[in-house]
Amino acid sequence: MRITIDALPLLFRSAGVKNYLYYWIRHLQREPAADVRLFPFLGEAAGLDHRKALAGPMATFFRLGLFFLMNRLPGGFSRSCFPPTDVFHSTRILNPPKRAKLTATIHDLTCWILPDTHLAANVQFERRYADRIWRRADGLIAVSENSRNDAVRLLNIPPERMYLMKASIKSNGLNAYVSGIGATKRIVVWDTTAGRIPNDEVLFIFAHESGHYVLHHIPKGIVCMGIAAFFVYWGCAACAGWLVRRFGQRWGASELSSRTGFVVLLLALSIASFLLEPVGNALSRHFEHQADVFGQEAIHGIVADPRKTTVAAFNALGDAWLDDPNPNPFIEFWLYNHPSTQHRAEFAAHYDPWANGQHGEFFAR
C-alpha cells in the first residue's frame, strides 16, 4: 500500500506534534506492506532533532515555499505535485490528492475552545483546515478522548471510527482485541489495560493486536471456517442420514427431513462440534502465537528489554484473569484458544533473533 504523509511539522523546530509524527512515521516504515513516502520529497525520517528541521536550510526553504503555493493556488497545481498514492495523511495541506483515501490527526481544538490564545490567522487557518480536511476525511486519528469528544461536539464529525471502551465499568480484567472486517476493522484496548500496567507493557499488548490486524487473522479465520463448515455440514448430513436409515424405525424418524430427523441432524452437528473443537483451537493458538511474535518484534528497539516487557505483560494478563499458569497439556490442547501463560512467557523469554545478527519473522529491521 502506498502511503504519502504530509510531513510539514518535520521542517520546523518543535517538540510535541513533531515528536508524535516522527515516531508514527518510523513505525509505519517498519511495516513490510506499507510503502511510506514523506511529502514534500523528504525521503526517510532518518533522525529526530527538535532544534532544527529534518532537511538543510535551503532544502527547507524551498519545501516551505512549495507548501505555501500548494495551499494558495488552485487545487489542480497542488494535486499535480503528489506522487501516486493510495492513502494520503494530511497535517497542513488543504488540497489533497483526489483519488486517495484521506486521513488526518486531531491533536486539539483549542482554536475553537480558547481562540483568544491563538493568533487570528491561526484560528482562521484551523477552521479552513477543519472544513477542507477533517470533515471530508475517510478516517481520523484523535490523540485523546478529549480531542475525540471535542471533534464530535464542535465540528459534528461522526464518531463512528473513533472508539473508547470503558471496560472498567463492567470488569477489572485486562484485555485488548481486534474486531470487524474491511472498513469496520479496528483495534480496541480496554481502559483497564491502559490504566493498570506500565506503558511499555501496554505498548506490547497494542503491538500484539496490531499483529492480528496486519496479518489479517480475522479474514483468514473466516475463510478457514467457511471451508471447514462446508465439509462438516456435508459430513454431518451424510452421518445423520445413515443414522436415520439405521435407527429411524426405533426413533420414530421416517426420513431426515422429518422433525425427529432434524433432531438427529442436530445430534450429529453437536458431536462433530465437540470432536473438532481442538482443530479450531489449534488454529486460534497459531494466530495468537504469530501475534505474540509480531508484537515482540514491533517493540524491539522501542522498549529497553523486549523480552522482559513481553514476559511481564503475559504475567499481568494471567494474574488479572486468574489463569492456570501450567494447565494439563491435554486440557490446553482441547480447550485453550490461546497458548497457556507459561508457554507464551517461556517463548518470549528466549526469543531474540537479533542477538545472532538475524532479523525477526515479520520485521526486516
Protein backbone atom coordinates (compact mmCIF):
# COMPACT_ATOMS: atom_id res chain seq x y z
CA MET A 1 0.00 0.00 0.00
CA ARG A 2 1.35 3.40 -1.00
CA ILE A 3 1.04 5.90 1.87
CA THR A 4 2.01 9.55 1.45
CA ILE A 5 2.35 11.65 4.60
CA ASP A 6 2.29 15.43 4.67
CA ALA A 7 5.37 15.88 6.87
CA LEU A 8 5.38 19.66 7.28
CA PRO A 9 5.97 19.52 11.10
CA LEU A 10 9.35 17.87 10.46
CA LEU A 11 10.50 21.11 8.79
CA PHE A 12 10.09 23.21 11.96
CA ARG A 13 11.72 23.49 15.34
CA SER A 14 9.14 21.94 17.65
CA ALA A 15 8.54 19.10 20.09
CA GLY A 16 5.01 17.75 20.59
CA VAL A 17 3.46 17.29 17.15
CA LYS A 18 6.87 16.74 15.56
CA ASN A 19 7.71 14.02 18.07
CA TYR A 20 4.36 12.28 17.53
CA LEU A 21 4.62 12.44 13.75
CA TYR A 22 8.23 11.25 13.66
CA TYR A 23 7.67 8.11 15.72
CA TRP A 24 4.40 7.33 13.94
CA ILE A 25 6.22 7.51 10.61
CA ARG A 26 9.04 5.31 11.90
CA HIS A 27 6.56 2.64 12.94
CA LEU A 28 4.81 2.76 9.58
CA GLN A 29 8.12 2.43 7.76
CA ARG A 30 8.72 -0.86 9.56
CA GLU A 31 5.54 -2.35 8.13
CA PRO A 32 6.55 -4.54 5.14
CA ALA A 33 3.29 -3.96 3.27
CA ALA A 34 3.48 -0.15 3.54
CA ASP A 35 5.36 1.99 1.02
CA VAL A 36 5.63 5.19 3.08
CA ARG A 37 6.60 8.44 1.37
CA LEU A 38 7.15 11.77 3.11
CA PHE A 39 5.93 14.83 1.26
CA PRO A 40 7.42 17.05 0.01
CA PHE A 41 10.15 14.63 -1.10
CA LEU A 42 11.84 14.14 2.25
CA GLY A 43 12.92 10.51 1.85
CA GLU A 44 13.09 8.62 5.16
CA ALA A 45 12.77 10.25 8.58
CA ALA A 46 16.39 9.49 9.39
CA GLY A 47 16.74 11.31 12.71
CA LEU A 48 14.80 13.47 15.15
CA ASP A 49 16.18 16.81 16.29
CA HIS A 50 13.73 19.22 17.94
CA ARG A 51 16.12 22.12 17.42
CA LYS A 52 16.21 22.07 13.62
CA ALA A 53 14.42 20.86 10.51
CA LEU A 54 14.83 17.40 9.05
CA ALA A 55 16.29 18.89 5.85
CA GLY A 56 19.03 21.50 5.44
CA PRO A 57 18.33 25.28 5.39
CA MET A 58 17.99 25.70 1.61
CA ALA A 59 16.03 22.46 1.14
CA THR A 60 13.70 23.50 3.97
CA PHE A 61 13.21 26.96 2.41
CA PHE A 62 12.16 25.57 -0.96
CA ARG A 63 9.89 22.93 0.59
CA LEU A 64 8.13 25.52 2.75
CA GLY A 65 7.70 27.66 -0.36
CA LEU A 66 6.08 24.72 -2.14
CA PHE A 67 3.68 24.24 0.77
CA PHE A 68 2.80 27.94 0.64
CA LEU A 69 1.99 27.76 -3.09
CA MET A 70 0.03 24.50 -2.80
CA ASN A 71 -2.31 25.95 -0.19
CA ARG A 72 -2.93 29.19 -2.10
CA LEU A 73 -3.04 28.21 -5.75
CA PRO A 74 -5.94 26.23 -7.31
CA GLY A 75 -6.19 22.57 -6.34
CA GLY A 76 -5.00 21.37 -9.75
CA PHE A 77 -1.49 22.71 -9.08
CA SER A 78 -1.36 21.08 -5.66
CA ARG A 79 -2.56 17.69 -6.85
CA SER A 80 -0.06 17.62 -9.70
CA CYS A 81 2.78 17.66 -7.16
CA PHE A 82 1.85 14.44 -5.36
CA PRO A 83 3.30 11.03 -6.22
CA PRO A 84 0.80 8.23 -6.96
CA THR A 85 -0.64 7.12 -3.62
CA ASP A 86 -3.39 5.01 -2.07
CA VAL A 87 -3.63 6.85 1.26
CA PHE A 88 -2.78 10.48 1.97
CA HIS A 89 -2.32 11.71 5.54
CA SER A 90 -2.62 15.47 5.82
CA THR A 91 -1.15 17.67 8.53
CA ARG A 92 -1.41 21.09 6.82
CA ILE A 93 -2.12 20.53 3.13
CA LEU A 94 -5.56 21.85 2.12
CA ASN A 95 -5.73 20.30 -1.38
CA PRO A 96 -5.04 16.56 -1.02
CA PRO A 97 -4.96 14.06 -3.92
CA LYS A 98 -8.44 13.33 -5.23
CA ARG A 99 -8.36 9.56 -5.64
CA ALA A 100 -6.50 8.65 -2.45
CA LYS A 101 -8.11 7.79 0.88
CA LEU A 102 -7.76 10.84 3.12
CA THR A 103 -6.71 10.67 6.79
CA ALA A 104 -5.59 13.24 9.35
CA THR A 105 -4.80 13.58 13.06
CA ILE A 106 -6.77 15.69 15.54
CA HIS A 107 -4.45 16.89 18.29
CA ASP A 108 -6.66 19.52 19.91
CA LEU A 109 -9.36 22.07 19.16
CA THR A 110 -8.11 24.96 21.26
CA CYS A 111 -8.67 27.34 18.34
CA TRP A 112 -12.40 26.73 18.94
CA ILE A 113 -12.30 26.43 22.73
CA LEU A 114 -9.73 29.17 23.52
CA PRO A 115 -9.47 31.31 20.37
CA ASP A 116 -8.07 34.27 22.29
CA THR A 117 -4.88 32.31 22.99
CA HIS A 118 -4.13 31.98 19.25
CA LEU A 119 -3.29 34.44 16.50
CA ALA A 120 -6.30 35.36 14.36
CA ALA A 121 -4.55 33.91 11.29
CA ASN A 122 -4.07 30.57 13.07
CA VAL A 123 -7.73 30.39 14.05
CA GLN A 124 -8.79 31.21 10.50
CA PHE A 125 -6.50 28.55 9.03
CA GLU A 126 -7.62 25.87 11.53
CA ARG A 127 -11.25 26.48 10.60
CA ARG A 128 -10.44 26.20 6.90
CA TYR A 129 -8.44 23.04 7.57
CA ALA A 130 -11.32 21.50 9.51
CA ASP A 131 -13.74 22.21 6.66
CA ARG A 132 -11.41 21.03 3.90
CA ILE A 133 -9.78 18.04 5.60
CA TRP A 134 -11.29 16.84 8.89
CA ARG A 135 -14.90 16.88 7.72
CA ARG A 136 -14.02 15.15 4.42
CA ALA A 137 -11.53 12.60 5.75
CA ASP A 138 -12.17 8.88 5.36
CA GLY A 139 -10.61 8.32 8.78
CA LEU A 140 -9.33 10.46 11.65
CA ILE A 141 -6.90 9.79 14.50
CA ALA A 142 -7.82 11.52 17.76
CA VAL A 143 -4.88 11.59 20.14
CA SER A 144 -7.08 11.61 23.25
CA GLU A 145 -10.63 11.14 24.42
CA ASN A 146 -10.96 14.89 24.89
CA SER A 147 -9.90 15.53 21.30
CA ARG A 148 -12.38 12.96 20.06
CA ASN A 149 -15.24 14.41 22.10
CA ASP A 150 -14.38 17.97 21.06
CA ALA A 151 -14.38 16.96 17.39
CA VAL A 152 -17.82 15.38 17.75
CA ARG A 153 -19.22 18.30 19.76
CA LEU A 154 -17.72 21.27 17.96
CA LEU A 155 -17.28 20.03 14.39
CA ASN A 156 -20.10 17.48 14.16
CA ILE A 157 -17.65 14.89 12.89
CA PRO A 158 -19.26 11.43 13.06
CA PRO A 159 -17.65 9.40 15.87
CA GLU A 160 -18.06 6.00 14.17
CA ARG A 161 -14.35 5.46 13.67
CA MET A 162 -13.12 6.85 16.97
CA TYR A 163 -13.58 4.29 19.73
CA LEU A 164 -13.31 4.39 23.50
CA MET A 165 -14.34 1.39 25.58
CA LYS A 166 -14.82 1.99 29.31
CA ALA A 167 -14.45 -1.65 30.28
CA SER A 168 -13.74 -0.75 33.92
CA ILE A 169 -17.49 -0.21 34.41
CA LYS A 170 -18.06 -3.93 33.82
CA SER A 171 -14.78 -5.69 34.57
CA ASN A 172 -11.39 -5.34 36.21
CA GLY A 173 -9.73 -7.70 33.72
CA LEU A 174 -7.08 -6.65 31.22
CA ASN A 175 -7.89 -7.05 27.56
CA ALA A 176 -7.48 -5.77 24.02
CA TYR A 177 -8.77 -7.14 20.76
CA VAL A 178 -9.22 -6.66 17.03
CA SER A 179 -12.78 -6.55 15.74
CA GLY A 180 -14.54 -6.05 12.42
CA ILE A 181 -13.58 -6.60 8.81
CA GLY A 182 -12.94 -4.22 5.93
CA ALA A 183 -13.90 -0.63 6.73
CA THR A 184 -15.14 -1.61 10.23
CA LYS A 185 -11.88 -3.22 11.33
CA ARG A 186 -10.39 -1.61 14.44
CA ILE A 187 -8.22 -2.28 17.48
CA VAL A 188 -9.81 -1.80 20.92
CA VAL A 189 -7.80 -1.50 24.15
CA TRP A 190 -9.73 -1.60 27.41
CA ASP A 191 -9.14 1.32 29.74
CA THR A 192 -8.35 -1.20 32.48
CA THR A 193 -5.35 -2.29 30.43
CA ALA A 194 -4.10 1.24 29.79
CA GLY A 195 -4.51 2.25 33.43
CA ARG A 196 -3.12 -0.67 35.42
CA ILE A 197 0.11 -1.83 33.80
CA PRO A 198 3.25 0.06 32.70
CA ASN A 199 3.27 1.83 29.36
CA ASP A 200 5.85 -0.50 27.80
CA GLU A 201 3.58 -3.48 28.52
CA VAL A 202 0.58 -1.63 27.08
CA LEU A 203 2.72 -0.97 24.01
CA PHE A 204 3.37 -4.70 23.61
CA ILE A 205 -0.33 -5.54 24.01
CA PHE A 206 -1.22 -2.97 21.36
CA ALA A 207 1.54 -4.33 19.10
CA HIS A 208 0.15 -7.86 19.60
CA GLU A 209 -3.31 -6.72 18.48
CA SER A 210 -1.70 -4.84 15.60
CA GLY A 211 -0.27 -8.19 14.56
CA HIS A 212 -3.78 -9.63 14.27
CA TYR A 213 -4.73 -6.58 12.21
CA VAL A 214 -1.70 -6.56 9.90
CA LEU A 215 -1.62 -10.35 9.42
CA HIS A 216 -5.34 -10.42 8.50
CA HIS A 217 -6.23 -13.08 11.05
CA ILE A 218 -9.94 -12.28 11.04
CA PRO A 219 -10.50 -12.78 7.28
CA LYS A 220 -8.20 -15.81 7.32
CA GLY A 221 -10.24 -17.31 10.15
CA ILE A 222 -13.49 -16.63 8.32
CA VAL A 223 -12.19 -18.32 5.17
CA CYS A 224 -10.94 -21.35 7.11
CA MET A 225 -14.24 -21.68 8.99
CA GLY A 226 -16.23 -21.30 5.78
CA ILE A 227 -14.30 -24.07 4.03
CA ALA A 228 -14.44 -26.31 7.10
CA ALA A 229 -18.18 -25.67 7.56
CA PHE A 230 -18.92 -26.91 4.03
CA PHE A 231 -17.28 -30.28 4.65
CA VAL A 232 -18.54 -30.55 8.25
CA TYR A 233 -22.16 -29.92 7.26
CA TRP A 234 -21.83 -32.31 4.32
CA GLY A 235 -20.37 -34.99 6.61
CA CYS A 236 -22.96 -34.40 9.33
CA ALA A 237 -25.82 -34.63 6.81
CA ALA A 238 -24.42 -37.92 5.50
CA CYS A 239 -23.93 -39.25 9.03
CA ALA A 240 -27.42 -38.17 10.14
CA GLY A 241 -28.91 -39.79 7.02
CA TRP A 242 -27.16 -43.05 7.85
CA LEU A 243 -28.41 -42.89 11.46
CA VAL A 244 -31.99 -42.35 10.30
CA ARG A 245 -31.76 -45.30 7.93
CA ARG A 246 -30.17 -47.47 10.62
CA PHE A 247 -32.20 -46.47 13.67
CA GLY A 248 -35.07 -44.43 12.22
CA GLN A 249 -37.75 -47.01 12.86
CA ARG A 250 -36.75 -47.31 16.51
CA TRP A 251 -36.52 -43.50 16.95
CA GLY A 252 -39.69 -42.72 15.03
CA ALA A 253 -37.81 -40.89 12.27
CA SER A 254 -39.17 -41.83 8.87
CA GLU A 255 -36.71 -39.58 6.97
CA LEU A 256 -34.10 -36.93 7.62
CA SER A 257 -36.48 -34.10 6.67
CA SER A 258 -38.88 -35.04 9.47
CA ARG A 259 -38.86 -33.34 12.86
CA THR A 260 -37.16 -36.29 14.51
CA GLY A 261 -34.68 -36.42 11.62
CA PHE A 262 -33.84 -32.77 12.27
CA VAL A 263 -33.06 -33.65 15.90
CA VAL A 264 -30.76 -36.42 14.64
CA LEU A 265 -29.01 -33.87 12.42
CA LEU A 266 -28.51 -31.57 15.44
CA LEU A 267 -27.05 -34.53 17.35
CA ALA A 268 -24.58 -35.18 14.54
CA LEU A 269 -23.60 -31.49 14.45
CA SER A 270 -23.13 -31.42 18.24
CA ILE A 271 -20.84 -34.45 18.16
CA ALA A 272 -18.84 -33.01 15.26
CA SER A 273 -18.53 -29.66 17.06
CA PHE A 274 -17.18 -31.39 20.17
CA LEU A 275 -14.70 -33.57 18.26
CA LEU A 276 -13.46 -30.70 16.05
CA GLU A 277 -13.06 -28.16 18.86
CA PRO A 278 -9.31 -28.92 19.18
CA VAL A 279 -8.87 -28.12 15.47
CA GLY A 280 -10.40 -24.66 15.78
CA ASN A 281 -8.48 -24.00 18.98
CA ALA A 282 -5.21 -25.08 17.35
CA LEU A 283 -5.77 -22.58 14.54
CA SER A 284 -6.55 -19.86 17.09
CA ARG A 285 -3.41 -20.69 19.11
CA HIS A 286 -1.38 -20.46 15.90
CA PHE A 287 -2.76 -17.00 15.17
CA GLU A 288 -2.12 -15.90 18.76
CA HIS A 289 1.48 -17.14 18.59
CA GLN A 290 2.02 -15.22 15.36
CA ALA A 291 0.65 -12.08 17.01
CA ASP A 292 2.91 -12.64 20.02
CA VAL A 293 5.95 -12.81 17.74
CA PHE A 294 4.79 -9.76 15.76
CA GLY A 295 4.22 -7.77 18.96
CA GLN A 296 7.61 -8.62 20.44
CA GLU A 297 9.36 -7.74 17.18
CA ALA A 298 7.39 -4.49 16.88
CA ILE A 299 8.60 -3.19 20.24
CA HIS A 300 12.22 -4.17 19.56
CA GLY A 301 14.28 -1.00 19.65
CA ILE A 302 11.44 0.93 21.32
CA VAL A 303 11.48 -0.51 24.84
CA ALA A 304 14.66 -1.23 26.76
CA ASP A 305 14.17 -5.02 27.04
CA PRO A 306 11.50 -6.50 24.72
CA ARG A 307 11.78 -9.98 26.25
CA LYS A 308 11.35 -8.75 29.81
CA THR A 309 8.48 -6.47 28.79
CA THR A 310 6.65 -9.25 26.94
CA VAL A 311 7.02 -11.74 29.80
CA ALA A 312 5.78 -9.14 32.28
CA ALA A 313 2.74 -8.38 30.08
CA PHE A 314 1.82 -12.09 29.88
CA ASN A 315 2.16 -12.46 33.64
CA ALA A 316 -0.03 -9.39 34.23
CA LEU A 317 -2.73 -10.75 31.91
CA GLY A 318 -2.57 -14.15 33.58
CA ASP A 319 -2.87 -12.64 37.06
CA ALA A 320 -5.80 -10.42 36.05
CA TRP A 321 -7.80 -13.34 34.61
CA LEU A 322 -6.64 -15.87 37.24
CA ASP A 323 -5.28 -18.18 34.53
CA ASP A 324 -3.82 -21.56 35.38
CA PRO A 325 -0.15 -20.86 34.58
CA ASN A 326 0.63 -24.51 33.83
CA PRO A 327 -2.51 -26.38 32.73
CA ASN A 328 -2.66 -30.07 31.88
CA PRO A 329 -1.34 -30.47 28.29
CA PHE A 330 -4.47 -32.35 27.22
CA ILE A 331 -6.73 -29.59 28.61
CA GLU A 332 -4.67 -26.96 26.80
CA PHE A 333 -4.80 -28.97 23.56
CA TRP A 334 -8.57 -29.49 23.71
CA LEU A 335 -9.95 -26.33 25.30
CA TYR A 336 -7.47 -23.44 25.07
CA ASN A 337 -7.82 -21.00 22.15
CA HIS A 338 -4.69 -19.14 23.41
CA PRO A 339 -1.37 -20.73 24.38
CA SER A 340 -1.00 -21.05 28.13
CA THR A 341 0.59 -18.16 30.01
CA GLN A 342 3.62 -20.31 30.83
CA HIS A 343 4.24 -21.31 27.22
CA ARG A 344 3.86 -17.74 25.98
CA ALA A 345 6.20 -16.38 28.64
CA GLU A 346 8.79 -19.11 28.06
CA PHE A 347 8.86 -18.43 24.32
CA ALA A 348 9.10 -14.65 24.85
CA ALA A 349 11.96 -15.03 27.33
CA HIS A 350 14.07 -16.90 24.75
CA TYR A 351 13.02 -15.16 21.54
CA ASP A 352 15.88 -12.91 20.46
CA PRO A 353 16.88 -13.41 16.80
CA TRP A 354 18.76 -10.09 16.80
CA ALA A 355 21.37 -11.50 19.20
CA ASN A 356 22.85 -13.53 16.33
CA GLY A 357 22.68 -10.72 13.80
CA GLN A 358 19.48 -12.02 12.26
CA HIS A 359 16.10 -10.32 11.95
CA GLY A 360 12.62 -11.20 13.07
CA GLU A 361 9.98 -13.15 11.24
CA PHE A 362 7.83 -10.12 10.37
CA PHE A 363 10.25 -7.17 10.51
CA ALA A 364 13.35 -6.89 8.38
CA ARG A 365 14.99 -4.42 10.77
